[in-house]
N, C-alpha and C. Protein backbone atom coordinates (compact mmCIF):
# COMPACT_ATOMS: atom_id res chain seq x y z
N UNK A 1 -154.46 40.12 123.61
CA UNK A 1 -155.07 38.61 123.34
C UNK A 1 -155.74 38.06 124.59
N UNK A 2 -155.10 38.44 125.67
CA UNK A 2 -155.40 37.74 126.76
C UNK A 2 -156.92 38.58 127.34
N UNK A 3 -157.07 39.69 126.92
CA UNK A 3 -158.41 40.37 127.23
C UNK A 3 -159.52 39.89 126.46
N UNK A 4 -159.18 39.54 125.12
CA UNK A 4 -160.13 38.79 124.24
C UNK A 4 -160.71 37.53 124.91
N UNK A 5 -159.68 36.80 125.06
CA UNK A 5 -160.09 35.20 125.98
C UNK A 5 -161.01 35.46 127.11
N UNK A 6 -160.70 36.45 127.88
CA UNK A 6 -161.36 36.87 129.15
C UNK A 6 -162.76 37.13 128.71
N UNK A 7 -162.91 37.77 127.85
CA UNK A 7 -164.55 38.36 127.30
C UNK A 7 -164.97 37.07 126.86
N UNK A 8 -164.54 36.29 126.02
CA UNK A 8 -165.13 35.07 125.56
C UNK A 8 -165.51 34.15 126.54
N UNK A 9 -164.69 33.87 127.76
CA UNK A 9 -165.18 33.15 128.80
C UNK A 9 -166.38 33.69 129.53
N UNK A 10 -166.38 34.97 129.89
CA UNK A 10 -167.38 35.71 130.41
C UNK A 10 -168.86 35.52 129.82
N UNK A 11 -168.73 35.39 128.37
CA UNK A 11 -169.91 35.34 127.53
C UNK A 11 -170.53 33.96 127.79
N UNK A 12 -169.49 32.92 127.73
CA UNK A 12 -169.86 31.52 127.78
C UNK A 12 -170.45 31.37 129.28
N UNK A 13 -169.82 31.95 130.22
CA UNK A 13 -170.33 31.62 131.69
C UNK A 13 -171.87 32.36 131.72
N UNK A 14 -171.96 33.46 131.19
CA UNK A 14 -173.23 34.03 131.33
C UNK A 14 -174.38 33.15 130.70
N UNK A 15 -173.93 32.55 129.57
CA UNK A 15 -174.97 31.87 128.82
C UNK A 15 -175.22 30.57 129.60
N UNK A 16 -174.15 29.93 130.16
CA UNK A 16 -174.30 28.75 130.95
C UNK A 16 -175.12 29.02 132.40
N UNK A 17 -175.00 30.28 132.73
CA UNK A 17 -175.58 30.63 134.03
C UNK A 17 -177.21 30.72 133.70
N UNK A 18 -177.51 31.16 132.59
CA UNK A 18 -178.89 31.27 132.31
C UNK A 18 -179.60 30.06 131.72
N UNK A 19 -178.74 29.18 131.04
CA UNK A 19 -179.18 27.97 130.43
C UNK A 19 -179.61 26.85 131.41
N UNK A 20 -178.59 26.83 132.35
CA UNK A 20 -178.74 25.78 133.62
C UNK A 20 -180.06 25.76 134.15
N UNK A 21 -180.45 26.87 134.61
CA UNK A 21 -181.92 26.91 135.23
C UNK A 21 -183.15 26.62 134.26
N UNK A 22 -182.85 27.10 132.82
CA UNK A 22 -183.98 26.86 132.04
C UNK A 22 -183.94 25.24 131.68
N UNK A 23 -183.02 24.63 131.63
CA UNK A 23 -182.75 23.09 131.27
C UNK A 23 -183.47 22.44 132.43
N UNK A 24 -183.11 22.97 133.71
CA UNK A 24 -183.77 22.04 135.00
C UNK A 24 -185.31 22.43 135.01
N UNK A 25 -185.59 23.53 134.71
CA UNK A 25 -187.15 23.79 134.69
C UNK A 25 -187.83 22.90 133.57
N UNK A 26 -187.29 22.80 132.46
CA UNK A 26 -187.77 22.02 131.32
C UNK A 26 -187.85 20.47 131.78
N UNK A 27 -186.80 20.11 132.37
CA UNK A 27 -186.73 18.66 132.91
C UNK A 27 -187.86 18.40 133.93
N UNK A 28 -188.08 19.37 134.84
CA UNK A 28 -189.00 19.25 135.97
C UNK A 28 -190.52 19.24 135.35
N UNK A 29 -190.79 19.97 134.22
CA UNK A 29 -192.03 20.02 133.81
C UNK A 29 -192.29 18.71 132.90
N UNK A 30 -191.30 18.18 132.28
CA UNK A 30 -191.36 17.06 131.46
C UNK A 30 -191.22 15.68 132.15
N UNK A 31 -190.78 15.67 133.25
CA UNK A 31 -190.50 14.34 134.10
C UNK A 31 -191.85 13.79 134.33
N UNK A 32 -192.94 14.33 134.81
CA UNK A 32 -194.19 13.56 134.89
C UNK A 32 -194.69 13.10 133.63
N UNK A 33 -194.51 13.69 132.47
CA UNK A 33 -194.84 12.95 131.21
C UNK A 33 -194.21 11.85 130.97
N UNK A 34 -193.06 11.58 131.54
CA UNK A 34 -192.00 10.49 131.00
C UNK A 34 -192.11 9.43 131.98
N UNK A 35 -192.87 9.41 132.93
CA UNK A 35 -192.87 8.38 133.88
C UNK A 35 -193.60 7.16 133.35
N UNK A 36 -193.04 6.03 133.49
CA UNK A 36 -193.84 4.81 133.11
C UNK A 36 -194.46 4.13 134.03
N UNK A 37 -195.56 3.55 133.75
CA UNK A 37 -196.60 2.89 134.73
C UNK A 37 -196.05 1.43 134.95
N UNK A 38 -194.83 1.17 135.47
CA UNK A 38 -194.30 -0.12 135.61
C UNK A 38 -194.70 -0.70 136.97
N UNK A 39 -194.89 -1.92 136.94
CA UNK A 39 -195.10 -2.63 138.15
C UNK A 39 -194.05 -3.73 138.43
N UNK A 40 -193.84 -4.03 139.73
CA UNK A 40 -192.87 -4.95 140.11
C UNK A 40 -193.60 -6.18 140.71
N UNK A 41 -193.21 -7.44 140.48
CA UNK A 41 -193.89 -8.49 141.16
C UNK A 41 -192.86 -9.82 141.15
N UNK A 42 -193.42 -10.82 141.32
CA UNK A 42 -192.42 -11.98 141.25
C UNK A 42 -193.10 -13.37 141.36
N UNK A 43 -192.23 -14.32 141.54
CA UNK A 43 -192.92 -15.64 141.89
C UNK A 43 -192.02 -16.49 142.52
N UNK A 44 -192.50 -17.59 143.31
CA UNK A 44 -191.77 -18.79 143.83
C UNK A 44 -192.44 -20.14 143.49
N UNK A 45 -191.75 -21.09 143.59
CA UNK A 45 -192.28 -22.32 143.14
C UNK A 45 -191.36 -23.61 143.15
N UNK A 46 -191.71 -24.44 142.48
CA UNK A 46 -190.72 -25.85 142.27
C UNK A 46 -190.87 -26.29 140.84
N UNK A 47 -189.95 -26.65 140.28
CA UNK A 47 -189.90 -27.32 139.00
C UNK A 47 -189.41 -28.54 139.04
N UNK A 48 -189.99 -29.62 138.25
CA UNK A 48 -189.63 -31.01 138.12
C UNK A 48 -189.28 -31.30 136.78
N UNK A 49 -188.07 -31.58 136.34
CA UNK A 49 -187.79 -32.22 135.18
C UNK A 49 -188.36 -33.35 134.94
N UNK A 50 -189.02 -33.81 133.83
CA UNK A 50 -189.86 -35.05 133.62
C UNK A 50 -189.03 -36.00 132.87
N UNK A 51 -188.54 -35.41 131.63
CA UNK A 51 -187.76 -36.37 130.75
C UNK A 51 -186.68 -35.48 130.04
N UNK A 52 -185.53 -36.30 129.99
CA UNK A 52 -184.24 -35.51 129.43
C UNK A 52 -183.68 -36.45 128.24
N UNK A 53 -183.42 -35.67 127.31
CA UNK A 53 -182.68 -36.42 126.12
C UNK A 53 -181.42 -35.78 125.93
N UNK A 54 -180.28 -36.57 126.16
CA UNK A 54 -178.81 -35.96 126.10
C UNK A 54 -177.95 -36.95 125.71
N UNK A 55 -176.99 -36.79 124.78
CA UNK A 55 -175.90 -37.57 124.29
C UNK A 55 -176.60 -38.83 123.80
N UNK A 56 -177.64 -38.80 123.22
CA UNK A 56 -178.36 -39.86 122.51
C UNK A 56 -178.87 -40.74 123.35
N UNK A 57 -179.24 -40.43 124.67
CA UNK A 57 -179.97 -41.17 125.63
C UNK A 57 -181.28 -40.58 126.29
N UNK A 58 -182.16 -41.11 126.42
CA UNK A 58 -183.36 -40.50 127.03
C UNK A 58 -183.56 -41.12 128.40
N UNK A 59 -183.66 -40.21 129.31
CA UNK A 59 -183.85 -40.36 130.88
C UNK A 59 -185.07 -40.05 131.38
N UNK A 60 -185.62 -40.91 132.17
CA UNK A 60 -186.85 -40.33 132.98
C UNK A 60 -186.45 -39.66 134.27
N UNK A 61 -186.57 -38.47 134.24
CA UNK A 61 -185.97 -37.82 135.40
C UNK A 61 -186.64 -38.18 136.69
N UNK A 62 -187.89 -38.63 136.89
CA UNK A 62 -188.56 -38.58 137.95
C UNK A 62 -188.15 -40.03 138.63
N UNK A 63 -187.99 -41.07 137.75
CA UNK A 63 -187.65 -42.36 138.31
C UNK A 63 -186.15 -42.61 138.23
N UNK A 64 -185.61 -42.26 137.25
CA UNK A 64 -184.27 -42.62 137.21
C UNK A 64 -183.11 -41.58 137.58
N UNK A 65 -183.52 -40.37 137.59
CA UNK A 65 -182.29 -39.42 138.06
C UNK A 65 -183.18 -38.18 138.55
N UNK A 66 -183.84 -38.33 139.63
CA UNK A 66 -184.66 -37.22 140.21
C UNK A 66 -183.90 -35.89 140.52
N UNK A 67 -184.46 -35.01 140.17
CA UNK A 67 -183.66 -33.67 140.53
C UNK A 67 -185.03 -32.64 140.69
N UNK A 68 -184.85 -31.74 141.58
CA UNK A 68 -185.88 -30.50 141.69
C UNK A 68 -185.28 -29.32 141.91
N UNK A 69 -185.81 -28.36 141.38
CA UNK A 69 -185.47 -26.89 141.44
C UNK A 69 -186.43 -26.07 142.03
N UNK A 70 -186.00 -25.03 142.66
CA UNK A 70 -186.84 -24.07 143.23
C UNK A 70 -186.56 -22.53 142.84
N UNK A 71 -187.30 -22.34 141.66
CA UNK A 71 -187.29 -20.88 141.13
C UNK A 71 -187.87 -19.91 141.85
N UNK A 72 -187.35 -18.79 141.81
CA UNK A 72 -187.74 -17.54 142.34
C UNK A 72 -187.42 -16.59 141.32
N UNK A 73 -188.37 -15.53 141.16
CA UNK A 73 -188.15 -14.56 140.28
C UNK A 73 -188.67 -13.08 140.54
N UNK A 74 -188.23 -12.28 139.97
CA UNK A 74 -188.58 -10.79 140.02
C UNK A 74 -188.95 -10.41 138.66
N UNK A 75 -190.12 -9.82 138.58
CA UNK A 75 -190.85 -9.56 137.19
C UNK A 75 -191.18 -7.89 137.07
N UNK A 76 -190.68 -7.32 136.09
CA UNK A 76 -190.92 -6.01 135.87
C UNK A 76 -191.77 -5.76 134.78
N UNK A 77 -192.99 -5.36 134.79
CA UNK A 77 -194.03 -5.21 133.77
C UNK A 77 -194.43 -3.73 133.35
N UNK A 78 -194.32 -3.49 132.15
CA UNK A 78 -194.77 -2.13 131.77
C UNK A 78 -196.19 -2.01 131.40
N UNK A 79 -196.54 -1.29 130.54
CA UNK A 79 -197.90 -1.01 130.16
C UNK A 79 -198.56 -1.92 129.00
N UNK A 80 -197.39 -2.55 128.18
CA UNK A 80 -197.95 -3.46 127.35
C UNK A 80 -198.02 -4.74 127.89
N UNK A 81 -197.97 -5.93 126.89
CA UNK A 81 -198.17 -7.23 127.31
C UNK A 81 -196.97 -8.10 127.61
N UNK A 82 -195.79 -7.34 127.46
CA UNK A 82 -194.42 -7.98 127.63
C UNK A 82 -193.89 -7.62 129.17
N UNK A 83 -193.21 -8.50 129.67
CA UNK A 83 -192.55 -8.26 131.00
C UNK A 83 -191.24 -8.91 131.03
N UNK A 84 -190.26 -8.29 131.92
CA UNK A 84 -188.97 -8.83 131.91
C UNK A 84 -189.05 -9.53 133.31
N UNK A 85 -188.55 -10.86 133.35
CA UNK A 85 -188.45 -11.64 134.44
C UNK A 85 -187.09 -12.14 134.78
N UNK A 86 -186.44 -11.94 135.87
CA UNK A 86 -185.18 -12.45 136.10
C UNK A 86 -185.36 -13.51 137.20
N UNK A 87 -184.99 -14.89 136.73
CA UNK A 87 -185.35 -15.96 137.61
C UNK A 87 -184.06 -16.57 138.01
N UNK A 88 -183.87 -16.93 139.24
CA UNK A 88 -182.73 -17.75 139.75
C UNK A 88 -183.35 -19.08 140.27
N UNK A 89 -182.79 -20.15 139.77
CA UNK A 89 -183.14 -21.56 139.96
C UNK A 89 -182.03 -22.44 140.72
N UNK A 90 -182.11 -22.48 142.05
CA UNK A 90 -181.23 -23.40 142.66
C UNK A 90 -181.93 -24.84 142.27
N UNK A 91 -181.00 -25.96 142.17
CA UNK A 91 -181.45 -27.14 142.09
C UNK A 91 -180.65 -28.26 142.86
N UNK A 92 -181.48 -29.33 143.20
CA UNK A 92 -180.83 -30.38 143.87
C UNK A 92 -180.77 -31.57 142.74
N UNK A 93 -179.83 -32.20 142.72
CA UNK A 93 -179.75 -33.40 141.74
C UNK A 93 -179.21 -34.53 142.63
N UNK A 94 -179.98 -35.64 142.45
CA UNK A 94 -179.71 -36.86 143.28
C UNK A 94 -178.82 -38.01 142.66
N UNK A 95 -178.81 -37.93 141.32
CA UNK A 95 -177.85 -38.76 140.71
C UNK A 95 -176.37 -38.49 141.02
N UNK A 96 -175.41 -39.62 141.05
CA UNK A 96 -174.24 -39.29 141.52
C UNK A 96 -173.66 -38.25 140.33
N UNK A 97 -172.67 -37.30 140.78
CA UNK A 97 -172.24 -37.20 141.99
C UNK A 97 -173.01 -36.29 143.02
N UNK A 98 -174.29 -36.34 142.91
CA UNK A 98 -175.12 -35.51 144.04
C UNK A 98 -174.64 -34.07 144.22
N UNK A 99 -174.85 -33.32 143.15
CA UNK A 99 -174.53 -31.82 143.26
C UNK A 99 -175.70 -30.99 143.19
N UNK A 100 -175.47 -29.63 143.74
CA UNK A 100 -176.50 -28.75 143.56
C UNK A 100 -175.97 -27.82 142.36
N UNK A 101 -176.99 -27.01 141.85
CA UNK A 101 -176.70 -26.07 140.80
C UNK A 101 -177.54 -24.75 140.96
N UNK A 102 -176.98 -23.78 140.21
CA UNK A 102 -177.84 -22.39 140.18
C UNK A 102 -177.78 -21.87 138.92
N UNK A 103 -179.10 -21.74 138.17
CA UNK A 103 -179.01 -21.20 136.92
C UNK A 103 -179.64 -19.88 137.00
N UNK A 104 -178.92 -18.77 136.34
CA UNK A 104 -179.44 -17.59 136.29
C UNK A 104 -180.18 -17.39 134.98
N UNK A 105 -181.65 -17.07 134.99
CA UNK A 105 -182.39 -17.24 133.97
C UNK A 105 -183.26 -15.97 133.64
N UNK A 106 -182.60 -14.88 132.89
CA UNK A 106 -183.31 -13.82 132.50
C UNK A 106 -184.21 -13.98 131.42
N UNK A 107 -185.33 -13.38 131.19
CA UNK A 107 -186.11 -13.56 130.08
C UNK A 107 -187.24 -12.76 129.91
N UNK A 108 -187.98 -12.77 128.72
CA UNK A 108 -189.20 -12.10 128.34
C UNK A 108 -190.42 -13.04 128.55
N UNK A 109 -191.57 -12.44 128.96
CA UNK A 109 -192.75 -13.29 128.98
C UNK A 109 -193.89 -12.48 128.45
N UNK A 110 -194.72 -12.92 127.54
CA UNK A 110 -195.78 -12.11 126.93
C UNK A 110 -197.03 -12.50 127.51
N UNK A 111 -198.06 -11.82 127.76
CA UNK A 111 -199.31 -12.13 128.27
C UNK A 111 -200.08 -12.26 127.03
N UNK A 112 -200.64 -13.65 126.85
CA UNK A 112 -201.53 -13.88 125.69
C UNK A 112 -203.00 -13.76 125.94
N UNK A 113 -203.35 -13.38 127.31
CA UNK A 113 -204.90 -13.14 127.41
C UNK A 113 -205.37 -14.51 128.07
N UNK A 114 -206.31 -14.33 128.79
CA UNK A 114 -207.12 -15.37 129.49
C UNK A 114 -206.22 -16.32 130.26
N UNK A 115 -205.37 -15.67 130.97
CA UNK A 115 -204.42 -16.37 131.95
C UNK A 115 -203.33 -17.01 131.37
N UNK A 116 -203.15 -17.26 130.03
CA UNK A 116 -201.96 -17.65 129.34
C UNK A 116 -200.89 -16.61 129.08
N UNK A 117 -199.51 -17.28 129.17
CA UNK A 117 -198.48 -16.69 128.80
C UNK A 117 -197.46 -17.31 128.05
N UNK A 118 -196.56 -16.80 127.33
CA UNK A 118 -195.53 -17.48 126.62
C UNK A 118 -194.30 -16.61 126.57
N UNK A 119 -193.10 -17.30 126.61
CA UNK A 119 -191.82 -16.80 126.66
C UNK A 119 -190.77 -17.39 126.41
N UNK A 120 -189.45 -16.76 126.58
CA UNK A 120 -188.26 -17.45 126.46
C UNK A 120 -187.28 -16.98 127.26
N UNK A 121 -186.36 -17.61 127.98
CA UNK A 121 -185.50 -17.33 128.90
C UNK A 121 -184.08 -17.64 128.43
N UNK A 122 -183.06 -16.85 128.58
CA UNK A 122 -181.62 -17.39 128.25
C UNK A 122 -181.31 -18.11 129.72
N UNK A 123 -180.37 -18.95 129.61
CA UNK A 123 -179.83 -19.85 130.79
C UNK A 123 -178.56 -19.78 130.92
N UNK A 124 -178.10 -19.54 131.95
CA UNK A 124 -176.50 -19.53 132.33
C UNK A 124 -176.23 -20.40 133.69
N UNK A 125 -175.74 -21.44 133.65
CA UNK A 125 -175.51 -22.32 134.68
C UNK A 125 -174.29 -21.93 135.31
N UNK A 126 -174.39 -21.32 136.65
CA UNK A 126 -173.23 -20.86 137.54
C UNK A 126 -172.21 -22.00 137.72
N UNK A 127 -170.77 -21.58 137.47
CA UNK A 127 -169.72 -22.58 137.73
C UNK A 127 -169.88 -23.85 136.82
N UNK A 128 -170.29 -23.52 135.79
CA UNK A 128 -170.45 -24.74 134.74
C UNK A 128 -170.09 -24.26 133.34
N UNK A 129 -169.92 -25.10 132.36
CA UNK A 129 -169.70 -24.99 131.01
C UNK A 129 -171.07 -24.97 130.02
N UNK A 130 -171.98 -24.73 130.73
CA UNK A 130 -173.53 -25.02 130.22
C UNK A 130 -174.20 -23.58 130.17
N UNK A 131 -174.68 -23.54 128.85
CA UNK A 131 -175.58 -22.39 128.81
C UNK A 131 -176.68 -22.81 127.69
N UNK A 132 -177.75 -21.92 127.61
CA UNK A 132 -178.84 -22.21 126.64
C UNK A 132 -179.86 -21.28 126.80
N UNK A 133 -181.15 -22.03 126.49
CA UNK A 133 -182.38 -20.92 126.32
C UNK A 133 -183.42 -21.91 126.93
N UNK A 134 -184.47 -21.38 127.35
CA UNK A 134 -185.83 -22.26 127.82
C UNK A 134 -186.95 -21.54 127.27
N UNK A 135 -187.72 -21.99 126.22
CA UNK A 135 -188.99 -21.67 125.98
C UNK A 135 -190.00 -22.18 127.00
N UNK A 136 -190.98 -21.34 127.10
CA UNK A 136 -191.94 -21.66 128.25
C UNK A 136 -193.51 -21.23 127.58
N UNK A 137 -194.46 -22.04 128.26
CA UNK A 137 -195.96 -21.54 128.15
C UNK A 137 -196.58 -21.85 129.54
N UNK A 138 -197.32 -20.96 129.97
CA UNK A 138 -198.00 -21.09 131.27
C UNK A 138 -199.43 -20.58 131.38
N UNK A 139 -199.96 -20.94 132.50
CA UNK A 139 -201.40 -20.72 132.68
C UNK A 139 -201.59 -20.36 134.12
N UNK A 140 -202.24 -19.22 134.54
CA UNK A 140 -202.36 -18.91 135.93
C UNK A 140 -203.87 -18.62 136.24
N UNK A 141 -203.95 -18.70 137.30
CA UNK A 141 -205.27 -18.58 138.15
C UNK A 141 -205.23 -17.58 139.14
N UNK A 142 -206.15 -16.54 139.18
CA UNK A 142 -206.06 -15.73 140.28
C UNK A 142 -206.53 -16.21 141.72
N UNK A 143 -205.90 -15.79 142.88
CA UNK A 143 -206.23 -16.10 144.06
C UNK A 143 -207.10 -14.93 144.51
N UNK A 144 -208.48 -15.39 144.90
CA UNK A 144 -209.36 -14.44 145.23
C UNK A 144 -209.43 -14.19 146.74
N UNK A 145 -208.46 -13.35 147.30
CA UNK A 145 -208.51 -13.02 148.58
C UNK A 145 -208.13 -11.62 148.84
N UNK A 146 -208.79 -10.88 149.64
CA UNK A 146 -208.54 -9.47 149.93
C UNK A 146 -207.44 -9.25 150.43
N UNK A 147 -206.58 -8.46 149.91
CA UNK A 147 -205.18 -8.09 150.80
C UNK A 147 -204.24 -9.13 151.05
N UNK A 148 -204.33 -10.23 150.13
CA UNK A 148 -203.45 -11.39 150.32
C UNK A 148 -202.12 -11.06 149.53
N UNK A 149 -201.05 -11.83 150.15
CA UNK A 149 -199.60 -11.37 149.44
C UNK A 149 -199.53 -12.00 148.08
N UNK A 150 -200.16 -13.41 147.92
CA UNK A 150 -199.97 -13.96 146.63
C UNK A 150 -201.26 -13.58 145.91
N UNK A 151 -200.98 -13.28 144.65
CA UNK A 151 -202.02 -12.93 143.61
C UNK A 151 -202.65 -14.05 142.71
N UNK A 152 -201.67 -14.96 142.49
CA UNK A 152 -202.27 -16.03 141.54
C UNK A 152 -201.34 -17.36 141.62
N UNK A 153 -201.70 -18.46 141.20
CA UNK A 153 -200.93 -19.64 141.26
C UNK A 153 -200.95 -20.13 139.86
N UNK A 154 -199.79 -20.71 139.42
CA UNK A 154 -199.72 -21.14 137.95
C UNK A 154 -198.95 -22.46 137.83
N UNK A 155 -199.23 -22.93 136.69
CA UNK A 155 -198.53 -24.14 136.11
C UNK A 155 -197.75 -23.70 134.83
N UNK A 156 -196.47 -24.08 134.60
CA UNK A 156 -195.74 -23.67 133.43
C UNK A 156 -194.95 -24.76 132.73
N UNK A 157 -195.32 -25.07 131.59
CA UNK A 157 -194.41 -26.25 130.83
C UNK A 157 -193.02 -25.35 130.48
N UNK A 158 -192.08 -26.05 130.67
CA UNK A 158 -190.74 -25.51 130.16
C UNK A 158 -190.06 -26.70 129.29
N UNK A 159 -189.21 -26.22 128.43
CA UNK A 159 -188.40 -26.88 127.69
C UNK A 159 -187.08 -26.51 127.61
N UNK A 160 -186.30 -26.70 128.60
CA UNK A 160 -184.72 -26.16 128.66
C UNK A 160 -183.76 -26.87 127.58
N UNK A 161 -183.36 -26.02 126.66
CA UNK A 161 -182.37 -26.36 125.89
C UNK A 161 -181.02 -26.15 126.29
N UNK A 162 -180.01 -26.94 126.68
CA UNK A 162 -178.69 -26.58 127.13
C UNK A 162 -177.54 -26.94 126.04
N UNK A 163 -176.47 -26.16 126.06
CA UNK A 163 -175.31 -26.50 125.18
C UNK A 163 -174.30 -26.74 126.32
N UNK A 164 -173.85 -28.03 126.63
CA UNK A 164 -172.75 -28.35 127.46
C UNK A 164 -171.52 -28.52 126.96
N UNK A 165 -170.63 -27.78 127.25
CA UNK A 165 -169.16 -27.68 126.43
C UNK A 165 -168.27 -27.73 127.62
N UNK A 166 -167.88 -28.98 128.15
CA UNK A 166 -166.96 -29.18 129.18
C UNK A 166 -165.67 -29.04 128.44
N UNK A 167 -164.59 -28.68 129.07
CA UNK A 167 -163.09 -28.51 128.53
C UNK A 167 -162.66 -29.88 128.36
N UNK A 168 -162.79 -30.84 129.27
CA UNK A 168 -162.34 -32.14 129.00
C UNK A 168 -163.48 -33.14 129.07
N UNK A 169 -163.84 -33.61 127.95
CA UNK A 169 -165.00 -34.66 128.00
C UNK A 169 -165.86 -34.18 126.70
N UNK A 170 -167.01 -35.19 126.53
CA UNK A 170 -167.79 -34.95 125.43
C UNK A 170 -168.77 -33.87 125.58
N UNK A 171 -169.02 -33.19 124.34
CA UNK A 171 -170.14 -32.10 124.59
C UNK A 171 -171.37 -32.84 124.49
N UNK A 172 -172.38 -32.45 125.22
CA UNK A 172 -173.70 -32.97 125.28
C UNK A 172 -174.67 -31.88 125.07
N UNK A 173 -175.63 -32.06 124.51
CA UNK A 173 -176.70 -30.91 124.21
C UNK A 173 -178.12 -31.42 124.86
N UNK A 174 -178.34 -31.40 126.25
CA UNK A 174 -179.54 -31.99 126.72
C UNK A 174 -180.69 -31.15 126.53
N UNK A 175 -181.84 -31.82 126.25
CA UNK A 175 -183.09 -31.09 126.26
C UNK A 175 -183.97 -31.76 127.12
N UNK A 176 -184.63 -30.97 127.79
CA UNK A 176 -185.42 -31.53 128.86
C UNK A 176 -186.96 -30.90 128.81
N UNK A 177 -187.90 -31.58 129.25
CA UNK A 177 -189.41 -31.14 129.47
C UNK A 177 -189.73 -31.37 130.87
N UNK A 178 -189.94 -30.00 131.37
CA UNK A 178 -190.48 -29.96 132.83
C UNK A 178 -191.51 -29.33 133.18
N UNK A 179 -191.94 -29.38 134.33
CA UNK A 179 -193.27 -28.77 134.88
C UNK A 179 -192.77 -27.75 135.96
N UNK A 180 -193.29 -26.49 135.97
CA UNK A 180 -193.03 -25.63 137.07
C UNK A 180 -194.30 -25.02 137.69
N UNK A 181 -194.51 -25.36 139.06
CA UNK A 181 -195.69 -25.03 139.74
C UNK A 181 -195.35 -23.87 140.69
N UNK A 182 -196.10 -22.84 140.74
CA UNK A 182 -195.67 -21.81 141.71
C UNK A 182 -196.79 -20.84 142.14
N UNK A 183 -196.34 -19.88 142.75
CA UNK A 183 -197.42 -18.67 143.31
C UNK A 183 -196.60 -17.46 142.80
N UNK A 184 -197.48 -16.54 142.36
CA UNK A 184 -197.10 -15.27 141.97
C UNK A 184 -197.45 -14.25 142.98
N UNK A 185 -196.52 -13.03 143.11
CA UNK A 185 -197.10 -11.99 143.95
C UNK A 185 -196.77 -10.73 143.16
């Protein structure tokens, strides 16, 4: 019985010995065919909330409760019209209690042609009971300079919808209209 088991192990080992190089060669030949033509870019800018509706009240954010965000993002674009964009938005709020916030904002953006784009982002406010989504529409214009770092400038209309669920206190669902200005690279 022991001799029979040893012979089976040798047969399996011999097959594995010849199969491993065959698989490696197949992968080496197929690898160039499977490469995607992805490009990586990004953007920086600032966003100004204009008007917010929350808890039954409307606030003029520029006059009554000024805040400003500084979005920065990394974009991964494949061969199609869709791109994945991971954006981080640190923000400064001047209304009491005068706090800073950070929103992690992953999303998908589609190129609509003629410099227009549309998309949606998930939104997760760090150290907060707030989450939501942000639909967006943008327009960009190329920067015509040879070898420059920045490739385009853009303006983006955003409509952040948030679900605020504090442990102690009333829930509010703020909806804000804002404008994002920036440079793409």
